[in-house]
All heavy atoms as atom14 arrays in JSON, in Angstrom:
{
  "sequence": "MGWYRQAPGKQRELVATITSGGSTNYPDSVKGRFTISRDNA",
  "atom14_mask": [
    [1, 1, 1, 1, 1, 1, 1, 1, 0, 0, 0, 0, 0, 0],
    [1, 1, 1, 1, 0, 0, 0, 0, 0, 0, 0, 0, 0, 0],
    [1, 1, 1, 1, 1, 1, 1, 1, 1, 1, 1, 1, 1, 1],
    [1, 1, 1, 1, 1, 1, 1, 1, 1, 1, 1, 1, 0, 0],
    [1, 1, 1, 1, 1, 1, 1, 1, 1, 1, 1, 0, 0, 0],
    [1, 1, 1, 1, 1, 1, 1, 1, 1, 0, 0, 0, 0, 0],
    [1, 1, 1, 1, 1, 0, 0, 0, 0, 0, 0, 0, 0, 0],
    [1, 1, 1, 1, 1, 1, 1, 0, 0, 0, 0, 0, 0, 0],
    [1, 1, 1, 1, 0, 0, 0, 0, 0, 0, 0, 0, 0, 0],
    [1, 1, 1, 1, 1, 1, 1, 1, 1, 0, 0, 0, 0, 0],
    [1, 1, 1, 1, 1, 1, 1, 1, 1, 0, 0, 0, 0, 0],
    [1, 1, 1, 1, 1, 1, 1, 1, 1, 1, 1, 0, 0, 0],
    [1, 1, 1, 1, 1, 1, 1, 1, 1, 0, 0, 0, 0, 0],
    [1, 1, 1, 1, 1, 1, 1, 1, 0, 0, 0, 0, 0, 0],
    [1, 1, 1, 1, 1, 1, 1, 0, 0, 0, 0, 0, 0, 0],
    [1, 1, 1, 1, 1, 0, 0, 0, 0, 0, 0, 0, 0, 0],
    [1, 1, 1, 1, 1, 1, 1, 0, 0, 0, 0, 0, 0, 0],
    [1, 1, 1, 1, 1, 1, 1, 1, 0, 0, 0, 0, 0, 0],
    [1, 1, 1, 1, 1, 1, 1, 0, 0, 0, 0, 0, 0, 0],
    [1, 1, 1, 1, 1, 1, 0, 0, 0, 0, 0, 0, 0, 0],
    [1, 1, 1, 1, 0, 0, 0, 0, 0, 0, 0, 0, 0, 0],
    [1, 1, 1, 1, 0, 0, 0, 0, 0, 0, 0, 0, 0, 0],
    [1, 1, 1, 1, 1, 1, 0, 0, 0, 0, 0, 0, 0, 0],
    [1, 1, 1, 1, 1, 1, 1, 0, 0, 0, 0, 0, 0, 0],
    [1, 1, 1, 1, 1, 1, 1, 1, 0, 0, 0, 0, 0, 0],
    [1, 1, 1, 1, 1, 1, 1, 1, 1, 1, 1, 1, 0, 0],
    [1, 1, 1, 1, 1, 1, 1, 0, 0, 0, 0, 0, 0, 0],
    [1, 1, 1, 1, 1, 1, 1, 1, 0, 0, 0, 0, 0, 0],
    [1, 1, 1, 1, 1, 1, 0, 0, 0, 0, 0, 0, 0, 0],
    [1, 1, 1, 1, 1, 1, 1, 0, 0, 0, 0, 0, 0, 0],
    [1, 1, 1, 1, 1, 1, 1, 1, 1, 0, 0, 0, 0, 0],
    [1, 1, 1, 1, 0, 0, 0, 0, 0, 0, 0, 0, 0, 0],
    [1, 1, 1, 1, 1, 1, 1, 1, 1, 1, 1, 0, 0, 0],
    [1, 1, 1, 1, 1, 1, 1, 1, 1, 1, 1, 0, 0, 0],
    [1, 1, 1, 1, 1, 1, 1, 0, 0, 0, 0, 0, 0, 0],
    [1, 1, 1, 1, 1, 1, 1, 1, 0, 0, 0, 0, 0, 0],
    [1, 1, 1, 1, 1, 1, 0, 0, 0, 0, 0, 0, 0, 0],
    [1, 1, 1, 1, 1, 1, 1, 1, 1, 1, 1, 0, 0, 0],
    [1, 1, 1, 1, 1, 1, 1, 1, 0, 0, 0, 0, 0, 0],
    [1, 1, 1, 1, 1, 1, 1, 1, 0, 0, 0, 0, 0, 0],
    [1, 1, 1, 1, 1, 0, 0, 0, 0, 0, 0, 0, 0, 0]
  ],
  "atom14_positions": [
    [[8.54, 76.66, 74.94], [7.53, 77.44, 75.62], [8.15, 78.77, 76.01], [9.37, 78.86, 76.16], [7.02, 76.72, 76.88], [6.42, 75.36, 76.61], [5.67, 74.62, 78.09], [4.1, 75.5, 78.14], [0.0, 0.0, 0.0], [0.0, 0.0, 0.0], [0.0, 0.0, 0.0], [0.0, 0.0, 0.0], [0.0, 0.0, 0.0], [0.0, 0.0, 0.0]],
    [[7.32, 79.77, 76.17], [7.85, 81.07, 76.51], [6.85, 81.97, 77.2], [5.64, 81.7, 77.2], [0.0, 0.0, 0.0], [0.0, 0.0, 0.0], [0.0, 0.0, 0.0], [0.0, 0.0, 0.0], [0.0, 0.0, 0.0], [0.0, 0.0, 0.0], [0.0, 0.0, 0.0], [0.0, 0.0, 0.0], [0.0, 0.0, 0.0], [0.0, 0.0, 0.0]],
    [[7.38, 83.02, 77.79], [6.57, 84.06, 78.39], [6.85, 85.38, 77.68], [8.01, 85.7, 77.39], [6.88, 84.23, 79.88], [6.34, 83.13, 80.74], [7.0, 82.02, 81.16], [5.02, 83.04, 81.29], [6.18, 81.24, 81.95], [4.97, 81.84, 82.04], [3.9, 83.86, 81.23], [3.82, 81.44, 82.72], [2.75, 83.46, 81.9], [2.72, 82.27, 82.63]],
    [[5.8, 86.11, 77.39], [5.88, 87.42, 76.76], [5.07, 88.4, 77.59], [4.23, 88.0, 78.39], [5.32, 87.38, 75.34], [6.1, 86.48, 74.39], [5.99, 85.09, 74.48], [6.93, 87.01, 73.41], [6.7, 84.26, 73.62], [7.63, 86.19, 72.55], [7.51, 84.82, 72.66], [8.22, 84.01, 71.8], [0.0, 0.0, 0.0], [0.0, 0.0, 0.0]],
    [[5.34, 89.68, 77.41], [4.56, 90.67, 78.14], [4.29, 91.88, 77.25], [5.04, 92.17, 76.33], [5.27, 91.11, 79.42], [6.58, 91.88, 79.2], [7.26, 92.14, 80.52], [8.49, 92.91, 80.36], [9.36, 93.15, 81.34], [9.13, 92.66, 82.56], [10.46, 93.86, 81.11], [0.0, 0.0, 0.0], [0.0, 0.0, 0.0], [0.0, 0.0, 0.0]],
    [[3.22, 92.56, 77.56], [2.85, 93.75, 76.81], [2.3, 94.81, 77.75], [1.3, 94.59, 78.43], [1.81, 93.41, 75.74], [1.49, 94.56, 74.81], [0.73, 94.12, 73.57], [0.07, 93.08, 73.57], [0.83, 94.89, 72.51], [0.0, 0.0, 0.0], [0.0, 0.0, 0.0], [0.0, 0.0, 0.0], [0.0, 0.0, 0.0], [0.0, 0.0, 0.0]],
    [[2.98, 95.93, 77.79], [2.55, 97.07, 78.59], [1.74, 98.01, 77.71], [1.87, 98.0, 76.48], [3.76, 97.8, 79.16], [0.0, 0.0, 0.0], [0.0, 0.0, 0.0], [0.0, 0.0, 0.0], [0.0, 0.0, 0.0], [0.0, 0.0, 0.0], [0.0, 0.0, 0.0], [0.0, 0.0, 0.0], [0.0, 0.0, 0.0], [0.0, 0.0, 0.0]],
    [[0.9, 98.85, 78.31], [0.08, 99.78, 77.53], [0.93, 100.66, 76.61], [1.93, 101.23, 77.05], [-0.61, 100.61, 78.6], [-0.71, 99.69, 79.77], [0.59, 98.93, 79.74], [0.0, 0.0, 0.0], [0.0, 0.0, 0.0], [0.0, 0.0, 0.0], [0.0, 0.0, 0.0], [0.0, 0.0, 0.0], [0.0, 0.0, 0.0], [0.0, 0.0, 0.0]],
    [[0.56, 100.72, 75.34], [1.28, 101.55, 74.4], [2.57, 100.98, 73.88], [3.27, 101.64, 73.11], [0.0, 0.0, 0.0], [0.0, 0.0, 0.0], [0.0, 0.0, 0.0], [0.0, 0.0, 0.0], [0.0, 0.0, 0.0], [0.0, 0.0, 0.0], [0.0, 0.0, 0.0], [0.0, 0.0, 0.0], [0.0, 0.0, 0.0], [0.0, 0.0, 0.0]],
    [[2.9, 99.76, 74.28], [4.14, 99.15, 73.84], [3.87, 97.83, 73.12], [2.81, 97.23, 73.25], [5.06, 98.89, 75.03], [5.54, 100.14, 75.74], [6.54, 99.81, 76.84], [7.06, 101.05, 77.52], [8.04, 100.72, 78.58], [0.0, 0.0, 0.0], [0.0, 0.0, 0.0], [0.0, 0.0, 0.0], [0.0, 0.0, 0.0], [0.0, 0.0, 0.0]],
    [[4.86, 97.4, 72.35], [4.75, 96.13, 71.65], [5.0, 94.97, 72.61], [5.65, 95.13, 73.64], [5.76, 96.07, 70.51], [5.5, 97.04, 69.37], [6.44, 96.82, 68.2], [7.56, 96.35, 68.36], [5.97, 97.14, 67.01], [0.0, 0.0, 0.0], [0.0, 0.0, 0.0], [0.0, 0.0, 0.0], [0.0, 0.0, 0.0], [0.0, 0.0, 0.0]],
    [[4.47, 93.83, 72.25], [4.69, 92.64, 73.05], [6.17, 92.26, 72.95], [6.76, 92.26, 71.87], [3.81, 91.5, 72.55], [3.84, 90.26, 73.42], [2.79, 89.25, 72.99], [1.44, 89.8, 73.09], [0.33, 89.09, 72.89], [0.41, 87.81, 72.57], [-0.85, 89.68, 72.99], [0.0, 0.0, 0.0], [0.0, 0.0, 0.0], [0.0, 0.0, 0.0]],
    [[6.77, 91.95, 74.09], [8.18, 91.6, 74.11], [8.42, 90.26, 74.78], [7.67, 89.83, 75.64], [8.99, 92.69, 74.83], [8.66, 92.83, 76.31], [9.57, 93.82, 77.02], [10.62, 94.19, 76.45], [9.22, 94.22, 78.15], [0.0, 0.0, 0.0], [0.0, 0.0, 0.0], [0.0, 0.0, 0.0], [0.0, 0.0, 0.0], [0.0, 0.0, 0.0]],
    [[9.49, 89.64, 74.37], [9.88, 88.36, 74.93], [10.41, 88.55, 76.35], [11.2, 89.46, 76.61], [10.95, 87.71, 74.06], [11.57, 86.41, 74.57], [10.54, 85.29, 74.49], [12.8, 86.06, 73.75], [0.0, 0.0, 0.0], [0.0, 0.0, 0.0], [0.0, 0.0, 0.0], [0.0, 0.0, 0.0], [0.0, 0.0, 0.0], [0.0, 0.0, 0.0]],
    [[10.0, 87.68, 77.24], [10.46, 87.71, 78.62], [11.4, 86.54, 78.89], [12.45, 86.7, 79.53], [9.29, 87.67, 79.61], [9.8, 87.58, 81.05], [8.41, 88.9, 79.44], [0.0, 0.0, 0.0], [0.0, 0.0, 0.0], [0.0, 0.0, 0.0], [0.0, 0.0, 0.0], [0.0, 0.0, 0.0], [0.0, 0.0, 0.0], [0.0, 0.0, 0.0]],
    [[11.03, 85.37, 78.44], [11.84, 84.18, 78.66], [11.37, 83.05, 77.77], [10.19, 82.97, 77.43], [11.78, 83.74, 80.12], [0.0, 0.0, 0.0], [0.0, 0.0, 0.0], [0.0, 0.0, 0.0], [0.0, 0.0, 0.0], [0.0, 0.0, 0.0], [0.0, 0.0, 0.0], [0.0, 0.0, 0.0], [0.0, 0.0, 0.0], [0.0, 0.0, 0.0]],
    [[12.28, 82.18, 77.39], [11.93, 80.99, 76.63], [12.64, 79.79, 77.23], [13.68, 79.92, 77.86], [12.33, 81.09, 75.14], [13.74, 81.26, 75.03], [11.61, 82.24, 74.47], [0.0, 0.0, 0.0], [0.0, 0.0, 0.0], [0.0, 0.0, 0.0], [0.0, 0.0, 0.0], [0.0, 0.0, 0.0], [0.0, 0.0, 0.0], [0.0, 0.0, 0.0]],
    [[12.05, 78.63, 77.0], [12.66, 77.39, 77.46], [12.35, 76.29, 76.47], [11.21, 76.13, 76.02], [12.16, 77.02, 78.89], [12.89, 75.77, 79.4], [10.65, 76.82, 78.91], [12.68, 75.53, 80.89], [0.0, 0.0, 0.0], [0.0, 0.0, 0.0], [0.0, 0.0, 0.0], [0.0, 0.0, 0.0], [0.0, 0.0, 0.0], [0.0, 0.0, 0.0]],
    [[13.35, 75.54, 76.08], [13.17, 74.45, 75.13], [12.72, 73.2, 75.87], [12.7, 73.15, 77.09], [14.47, 74.15, 74.39], [15.44, 73.62, 75.31], [15.04, 75.41, 73.74], [0.0, 0.0, 0.0], [0.0, 0.0, 0.0], [0.0, 0.0, 0.0], [0.0, 0.0, 0.0], [0.0, 0.0, 0.0], [0.0, 0.0, 0.0], [0.0, 0.0, 0.0]],
    [[12.36, 72.19, 75.1], [11.94, 70.93, 75.71], [13.08, 70.3, 76.5], [12.83, 69.52, 77.42], [11.45, 69.96, 74.63], [12.46, 69.69, 73.68], [0.0, 0.0, 0.0], [0.0, 0.0, 0.0], [0.0, 0.0, 0.0], [0.0, 0.0, 0.0], [0.0, 0.0, 0.0], [0.0, 0.0, 0.0], [0.0, 0.0, 0.0], [0.0, 0.0, 0.0]],
    [[14.31, 70.64, 76.13], [15.47, 70.12, 76.82], [15.9, 70.94, 78.02], [16.84, 70.57, 78.73], [0.0, 0.0, 0.0], [0.0, 0.0, 0.0], [0.0, 0.0, 0.0], [0.0, 0.0, 0.0], [0.0, 0.0, 0.0], [0.0, 0.0, 0.0], [0.0, 0.0, 0.0], [0.0, 0.0, 0.0], [0.0, 0.0, 0.0], [0.0, 0.0, 0.0]],
    [[15.22, 72.07, 78.25], [15.52, 72.89, 79.41], [16.44, 74.06, 79.18], [16.81, 74.76, 80.13], [0.0, 0.0, 0.0], [0.0, 0.0, 0.0], [0.0, 0.0, 0.0], [0.0, 0.0, 0.0], [0.0, 0.0, 0.0], [0.0, 0.0, 0.0], [0.0, 0.0, 0.0], [0.0, 0.0, 0.0], [0.0, 0.0, 0.0], [0.0, 0.0, 0.0]],
    [[16.82, 74.32, 77.94], [17.67, 75.46, 77.64], [16.85, 76.74, 77.72], [15.76, 76.82, 77.16], [18.28, 75.32, 76.26], [19.1, 76.42, 75.94], [0.0, 0.0, 0.0], [0.0, 0.0, 0.0], [0.0, 0.0, 0.0], [0.0, 0.0, 0.0], [0.0, 0.0, 0.0], [0.0, 0.0, 0.0], [0.0, 0.0, 0.0], [0.0, 0.0, 0.0]],
    [[17.38, 77.76, 78.41], [16.63, 79.0, 78.62], [17.32, 80.21, 78.02], [18.54, 80.23, 77.83], [16.4, 79.26, 80.11], [17.68, 79.38, 80.77], [15.64, 78.1, 80.74], [0.0, 0.0, 0.0], [0.0, 0.0, 0.0], [0.0, 0.0, 0.0], [0.0, 0.0, 0.0], [0.0, 0.0, 0.0], [0.0, 0.0, 0.0], [0.0, 0.0, 0.0]],
    [[16.52, 81.25, 77.75], [17.02, 82.51, 77.26], [16.21, 83.65, 77.87], [15.01, 83.53, 78.04], [16.94, 82.59, 75.74], [18.04, 81.81, 75.06], [17.82, 80.72, 74.55], [19.25, 82.38, 75.05], [0.0, 0.0, 0.0], [0.0, 0.0, 0.0], [0.0, 0.0, 0.0], [0.0, 0.0, 0.0], [0.0, 0.0, 0.0], [0.0, 0.0, 0.0]],
    [[16.9, 84.75, 78.19], [16.26, 85.92, 78.77], [16.84, 87.19, 78.17], [18.03, 87.24, 77.86], [16.5, 85.99, 80.28], [16.16, 84.75, 81.06], [17.11, 83.75, 81.25], [14.91, 84.6, 81.63], [16.81, 82.61, 81.98], [14.6, 83.47, 82.36], [15.56, 82.48, 82.54], [15.25, 81.36, 83.27], [0.0, 0.0, 0.0], [0.0, 0.0, 0.0]],
    [[16.03, 88.21, 78.03], [16.58, 89.5, 77.61], [17.27, 90.15, 78.81], [17.03, 89.76, 79.96], [15.33, 90.28, 77.19], [14.25, 89.72, 78.05], [14.56, 88.25, 78.15], [0.0, 0.0, 0.0], [0.0, 0.0, 0.0], [0.0, 0.0, 0.0], [0.0, 0.0, 0.0], [0.0, 0.0, 0.0], [0.0, 0.0, 0.0], [0.0, 0.0, 0.0]],
    [[18.11, 91.12, 78.55], [18.86, 91.77, 79.63], [17.95, 92.43, 80.66], [18.32, 92.55, 81.83], [19.81, 92.81, 79.06], [20.96, 92.19, 78.3], [21.26, 91.0, 78.52], [21.58, 92.9, 77.47], [0.0, 0.0, 0.0], [0.0, 0.0, 0.0], [0.0, 0.0, 0.0], [0.0, 0.0, 0.0], [0.0, 0.0, 0.0], [0.0, 0.0, 0.0]],
    [[16.77, 92.84, 80.26], [15.86, 93.53, 81.15], [15.39, 92.68, 82.33], [15.02, 93.22, 83.38], [14.65, 94.06, 80.39], [13.94, 93.0, 79.76], [0.0, 0.0, 0.0], [0.0, 0.0, 0.0], [0.0, 0.0, 0.0], [0.0, 0.0, 0.0], [0.0, 0.0, 0.0], [0.0, 0.0, 0.0], [0.0, 0.0, 0.0], [0.0, 0.0, 0.0]],
    [[15.41, 91.36, 82.17], [14.94, 90.49, 83.25], [15.99, 89.49, 83.71], [15.79, 88.8, 84.71], [13.66, 89.72, 82.85], [12.6, 90.68, 82.34], [13.97, 88.66, 81.8], [0.0, 0.0, 0.0], [0.0, 0.0, 0.0], [0.0, 0.0, 0.0], [0.0, 0.0, 0.0], [0.0, 0.0, 0.0], [0.0, 0.0, 0.0], [0.0, 0.0, 0.0]],
    [[17.09, 89.42, 83.01], [18.13, 88.46, 83.33], [18.63, 88.65, 84.77], [18.93, 89.75, 85.19], [19.29, 88.61, 82.35], [20.31, 87.47, 82.4], [21.32, 87.61, 81.27], [20.65, 87.51, 79.91], [21.62, 87.62, 78.79], [0.0, 0.0, 0.0], [0.0, 0.0, 0.0], [0.0, 0.0, 0.0], [0.0, 0.0, 0.0], [0.0, 0.0, 0.0]],
    [[18.68, 87.55, 85.49], [19.11, 87.6, 86.87], [17.98, 87.79, 87.85], [18.17, 87.58, 89.06], [0.0, 0.0, 0.0], [0.0, 0.0, 0.0], [0.0, 0.0, 0.0], [0.0, 0.0, 0.0], [0.0, 0.0, 0.0], [0.0, 0.0, 0.0], [0.0, 0.0, 0.0], [0.0, 0.0, 0.0], [0.0, 0.0, 0.0], [0.0, 0.0, 0.0]],
    [[16.82, 88.19, 87.37], [15.66, 88.42, 88.23], [14.55, 87.41, 87.98], [13.85, 87.01, 88.91], [15.1, 89.83, 88.02], [16.09, 90.94, 88.36], [15.4, 92.31, 88.32], [14.87, 92.63, 87.0], [13.59, 92.87, 86.76], [12.69, 92.83, 87.74], [13.19, 93.17, 85.53], [0.0, 0.0, 0.0], [0.0, 0.0, 0.0], [0.0, 0.0, 0.0]],
    [[14.37, 87.02, 86.73], [13.32, 86.08, 86.35], [13.9, 84.71, 86.04], [15.01, 84.61, 85.51], [12.56, 86.58, 85.11], [11.72, 87.79, 85.33], [11.78, 88.53, 86.51], [10.84, 88.21, 84.33], [11.0, 89.67, 86.69], [10.05, 89.34, 84.51], [10.13, 90.07, 85.68], [0.0, 0.0, 0.0], [0.0, 0.0, 0.0], [0.0, 0.0, 0.0]],
    [[13.13, 83.68, 86.33], [13.54, 82.32, 86.02], [12.37, 81.55, 85.43], [11.3, 81.48, 86.02], [14.04, 81.58, 87.27], [15.13, 82.28, 87.86], [14.5, 80.17, 86.9], [0.0, 0.0, 0.0], [0.0, 0.0, 0.0], [0.0, 0.0, 0.0], [0.0, 0.0, 0.0], [0.0, 0.0, 0.0], [0.0, 0.0, 0.0], [0.0, 0.0, 0.0]],
    [[12.58, 80.98, 84.25], [11.55, 80.17, 83.62], [11.87, 78.7, 83.86], [13.04, 78.3, 83.85], [11.45, 80.47, 82.1], [10.24, 79.74, 81.49], [12.73, 80.09, 81.38], [9.95, 80.15, 80.05], [0.0, 0.0, 0.0], [0.0, 0.0, 0.0], [0.0, 0.0, 0.0], [0.0, 0.0, 0.0], [0.0, 0.0, 0.0], [0.0, 0.0, 0.0]],
    [[10.85, 77.91, 84.08], [11.03, 76.48, 84.3], [9.8, 75.75, 83.78], [8.79, 76.38, 83.46], [11.26, 76.17, 85.78], [10.14, 76.56, 86.56], [0.0, 0.0, 0.0], [0.0, 0.0, 0.0], [0.0, 0.0, 0.0], [0.0, 0.0, 0.0], [0.0, 0.0, 0.0], [0.0, 0.0, 0.0], [0.0, 0.0, 0.0], [0.0, 0.0, 0.0]],
    [[9.89, 74.45, 83.69], [8.74, 73.69, 83.2], [8.67, 72.33, 83.85], [9.67, 71.76, 84.29], [8.8, 73.55, 81.67], [10.01, 72.77, 81.15], [10.14, 72.93, 79.64], [9.09, 72.22, 78.91], [8.89, 72.33, 77.6], [9.64, 73.16, 76.88], [7.92, 71.64, 77.02], [0.0, 0.0, 0.0], [0.0, 0.0, 0.0], [0.0, 0.0, 0.0]],
    [[7.46, 71.81, 83.91], [7.19, 70.48, 84.42], [6.5, 69.75, 83.27], [5.31, 69.91, 83.05], [6.29, 70.54, 85.65], [6.09, 69.17, 86.29], [6.2, 68.15, 85.58], [5.81, 69.11, 87.5], [0.0, 0.0, 0.0], [0.0, 0.0, 0.0], [0.0, 0.0, 0.0], [0.0, 0.0, 0.0], [0.0, 0.0, 0.0], [0.0, 0.0, 0.0]],
    [[7.27, 68.97, 82.55], [6.73, 68.29, 81.38], [5.62, 67.29, 81.71], [4.71, 67.07, 80.91], [7.86, 67.58, 80.63], [8.83, 68.55, 79.99], [8.45, 69.67, 79.61], [10.09, 68.15, 79.87], [0.0, 0.0, 0.0], [0.0, 0.0, 0.0], [0.0, 0.0, 0.0], [0.0, 0.0, 0.0], [0.0, 0.0, 0.0], [0.0, 0.0, 0.0]],
    [[5.7, 66.69, 82.88], [4.68, 65.73, 83.28], [3.33, 66.4, 83.48], [2.28, 65.78, 83.32], [5.1, 65.02, 84.56], [0.0, 0.0, 0.0], [0.0, 0.0, 0.0], [0.0, 0.0, 0.0], [0.0, 0.0, 0.0], [0.0, 0.0, 0.0], [0.0, 0.0, 0.0], [0.0, 0.0, 0.0], [0.0, 0.0, 0.0], [0.0, 0.0, 0.0]]
  ]
}
């Protein structure tokens, strides 16, 4: 699962991803500020 964002006049960009096992990835632009999580239930 993931979050993406799109600002006016810009392409959609990746914000964060998380695998079913809980592994996460963030671009430098949001790293340290954003946190992705999931509740599988």
